[in-house]
Amino acid sequence: MSTQESQVRSGNGQGSTPMGTEDFKQLQNEVKSLEVTQAGQAAMIAGAEATQAATQAGTWTTMMAGAGGLILGLFLGISIVKVARQY
């Protein structure tokens, strides 16, 4: 038994009632459950951040492609007008 377990079971001399084996196991199970919940929340937050980063990257890519298309279209339109005026 570790020092921490013995302190928890004995109440650490602070007027607490001694903790039984079943109570200690229940406490351990609750702590394990909270650790699993916390890990799940951390994974969910990481996934949300990755999704947000991908969305932002996609938005910038789309905006850059649109801007490139606009510029190309302007030059193409100017060229067509110049050629049409020559004939």
Protein backbone atom coordinates (compact mmCIF):
# COMPACT_ATOMS: atom_id res chain seq x y z
CA MET A 1 0.00 0.00 0.00
CA SER A 2 1.37 3.41 -0.93
CA THR A 3 1.73 6.29 1.51
CA GLN A 4 -1.10 8.17 -0.19
CA GLU A 5 -3.45 5.20 0.10
CA SER A 6 -2.68 4.77 3.77
CA GLN A 7 -3.24 8.48 4.41
CA VAL A 8 -6.58 8.39 2.61
CA ARG A 9 -7.66 5.29 4.50
CA SER A 10 -6.60 6.63 7.88
CA GLY A 11 -8.07 10.07 7.28
CA ASN A 12 -4.58 11.62 7.50
CA GLY A 13 -5.12 12.46 11.17
CA GLN A 14 -7.42 15.36 10.42
CA GLY A 15 -10.52 14.08 12.20
CA SER A 16 -11.89 12.37 9.08
CA THR A 17 -13.60 9.03 9.28
CA PRO A 18 -11.51 6.14 7.97
CA MET A 19 -12.20 5.21 4.37
CA GLY A 20 -13.13 1.59 3.74
CA THR A 21 -11.78 -0.53 0.90
CA GLU A 22 -15.04 -0.27 -1.03
CA ASP A 23 -15.09 3.52 -0.64
CA PHE A 24 -11.50 3.72 -1.82
CA LYS A 25 -12.21 1.54 -4.86
CA GLN A 26 -15.28 3.63 -5.66
CA LEU A 27 -13.17 6.79 -5.42
CA GLN A 28 -10.55 5.26 -7.70
CA ASN A 29 -13.26 4.35 -10.22
CA GLU A 30 -14.67 7.87 -10.14
CA VAL A 31 -11.21 9.36 -10.69
CA LYS A 32 -10.61 6.97 -13.61
CA SER A 33 -13.98 7.94 -15.09
CA LEU A 34 -13.13 11.63 -14.81
CA GLU A 35 -9.75 11.03 -16.46
CA VAL A 36 -11.44 9.26 -19.38
CA THR A 37 -14.00 12.07 -19.69
CA GLN A 38 -11.26 14.69 -19.64
CA ALA A 39 -9.28 12.83 -22.32
CA GLY A 40 -12.41 12.63 -24.48
CA GLN A 41 -13.01 16.35 -24.11
CA ALA A 42 -9.39 17.12 -25.00
CA ALA A 43 -9.68 14.97 -28.13
CA MET A 44 -12.94 16.67 -29.08
CA ILE A 45 -11.37 20.13 -28.69
CA ALA A 46 -8.35 19.08 -30.75
CA GLY A 47 -10.65 17.78 -33.48
CA ALA A 48 -12.65 21.00 -33.49
CA GLU A 49 -9.47 23.07 -33.77
CA ALA A 50 -8.21 20.91 -36.65
CA THR A 51 -11.55 21.29 -38.42
CA GLN A 52 -11.47 25.04 -37.94
CA ALA A 53 -7.91 25.25 -39.29
CA ALA A 54 -8.84 23.16 -42.34
CA THR A 55 -11.90 25.30 -42.98
CA GLN A 56 -9.87 28.48 -42.76
CA ALA A 57 -7.23 27.06 -45.10
CA GLY A 58 -9.96 26.06 -47.55
CA THR A 59 -11.51 29.51 -47.36
CA TRP A 60 -8.20 31.21 -48.12
CA THR A 61 -7.52 28.81 -50.98
CA THR A 62 -10.93 29.50 -52.47
CA MET A 63 -10.47 33.25 -52.11
CA MET A 64 -7.05 33.12 -53.79
CA ALA A 65 -8.40 31.00 -56.66
CA GLY A 66 -11.30 33.41 -57.08
CA ALA A 67 -8.97 36.41 -57.11
CA GLY A 68 -6.73 34.70 -59.67
CA GLY A 69 -9.76 33.92 -61.84
CA LEU A 70 -10.95 37.52 -61.59
CA ILE A 71 -7.57 38.92 -62.64
CA LEU A 72 -7.27 36.40 -65.47
CA GLY A 73 -10.79 37.24 -66.59
CA LEU A 74 -10.05 40.97 -66.61
CA PHE A 75 -6.98 40.54 -68.80
CA LEU A 76 -8.79 38.12 -71.07
CA GLY A 77 -11.71 40.55 -71.40
CA ILE A 78 -9.37 43.45 -72.21
CA SER A 79 -7.59 41.32 -74.82
CA ILE A 80 -10.87 40.29 -76.47
CA VAL A 81 -12.05 43.91 -76.63
CA LYS A 82 -8.74 45.03 -78.20
CA VAL A 83 -8.88 42.27 -80.78
CA ALA A 84 -12.54 43.00 -81.58
CA ARG A 85 -11.78 46.71 -82.14
CA GLN A 86 -9.10 45.86 -84.68
CA TYR A 87 -11.61 44.13 -86.95
